Amino acid sequence: MSPDLVFDPELRLRDGTVIRTREDAIAFARAQQPRPGADERDAVLHQLERASRPEEAEAAGRHFRSWLARLELLPERI
């Protein structure tokens, strides 16, 4: 069984997408194949899918969030 990963607070992307769980993150990453950064997208996706321990899931969540930031998909913080 895969460990749960919950983004708290949830991630609200510039396009209105809301990411709350690992499943949301995986679905979003899978849909981004044509975007720039596809090689990193694959690494992020595989890390999310393969995480089998809570600390691996947390690391995957941090990698996912960094990837989103590099693609400028997260709104700027106020």
Protein backbone atom coordinates (compact mmCIF):
# COMPACT_ATOMS: atom_id res chain seq x y z
CA MET A 1 0.00 0.00 0.00
CA SER A 2 1.32 3.44 -0.93
CA PRO A 3 1.68 6.07 1.76
CA ASP A 4 -0.70 8.99 1.69
CA LEU A 5 0.58 12.36 0.54
CA VAL A 6 -1.63 15.34 1.23
CA PHE A 7 -0.61 18.86 0.25
CA ASP A 8 -1.49 21.12 3.17
CA PRO A 9 -2.21 23.75 2.23
CA GLU A 10 -3.49 22.53 -1.11
CA LEU A 11 -1.65 23.76 -4.19
CA ARG A 12 -3.69 26.17 -6.30
CA LEU A 13 -2.09 26.55 -9.70
CA ARG A 14 -2.29 29.60 -11.94
CA ASP A 15 -4.69 27.80 -14.30
CA GLY A 16 -7.14 27.06 -11.46
CA THR A 17 -6.09 23.43 -10.96
CA VAL A 18 -6.11 22.36 -7.31
CA ILE A 19 -3.70 19.68 -6.11
CA ARG A 20 -4.66 18.09 -2.80
CA THR A 21 -3.28 14.54 -2.92
CA ARG A 22 -0.61 12.39 -4.48
CA GLU A 23 -3.22 11.07 -6.91
CA ASP A 24 -3.99 14.67 -8.00
CA ALA A 25 -0.25 15.31 -8.48
CA ILE A 26 0.20 12.14 -10.53
CA ALA A 27 -2.78 12.95 -12.75
CA PHE A 28 -1.50 16.50 -13.30
CA ALA A 29 2.04 15.34 -14.13
CA ARG A 30 0.75 12.73 -16.58
CA ALA A 31 -1.24 15.41 -18.42
CA GLN A 32 1.84 17.65 -18.83
CA GLN A 33 3.78 15.53 -21.31
CA PRO A 34 3.86 18.16 -24.08
CA ARG A 35 5.09 20.92 -21.73
CA PRO A 36 8.72 22.01 -21.48
CA GLY A 37 10.63 20.13 -18.82
CA ALA A 38 9.29 16.71 -19.85
CA ASP A 39 12.44 14.93 -18.66
CA GLU A 40 12.00 16.33 -15.19
CA ARG A 41 8.28 15.63 -15.43
CA ASP A 42 9.11 11.96 -15.91
CA ALA A 43 11.41 11.99 -12.87
CA VAL A 44 8.74 13.71 -10.75
CA LEU A 45 6.04 11.32 -11.94
CA HIS A 46 8.14 8.21 -11.28
CA GLN A 47 9.09 9.45 -7.82
CA LEU A 48 5.41 10.08 -6.97
CA GLU A 49 4.36 6.69 -8.32
CA ARG A 50 7.14 4.69 -6.68
CA ALA A 51 7.10 6.19 -3.19
CA SER A 52 6.43 3.34 -0.79
CA ARG A 53 7.33 4.91 2.54
CA PRO A 54 6.05 8.15 4.10
CA GLU A 55 9.46 9.86 3.83
CA GLU A 56 9.65 8.92 0.12
CA ALA A 57 6.18 10.36 -0.43
CA GLU A 58 7.19 13.59 1.33
CA ALA A 59 10.34 13.86 -0.80
CA ALA A 60 8.26 13.26 -3.93
CA GLY A 61 5.87 16.02 -2.83
CA ARG A 62 8.77 18.46 -2.41
CA HIS A 63 10.15 17.53 -5.85
CA PHE A 64 6.68 18.00 -7.40
CA ARG A 65 6.29 21.43 -5.76
CA SER A 66 9.78 22.51 -6.97
CA TRP A 67 8.98 21.36 -10.49
CA LEU A 68 5.77 23.40 -10.47
CA ALA A 69 7.67 26.45 -9.25
CA ARG A 70 10.30 26.12 -12.01
CA LEU A 71 7.53 25.95 -14.61
CA GLU A 72 6.01 29.05 -12.99
CA LEU A 73 2.71 27.25 -12.41
CA LEU A 74 2.39 28.31 -8.77
CA PRO A 75 1.07 31.79 -8.03
CA GLU A 76 3.52 34.19 -6.46
CA ARG A 77 3.24 34.44 -2.73
CA ILE A 78 2.04 37.71 -1.25
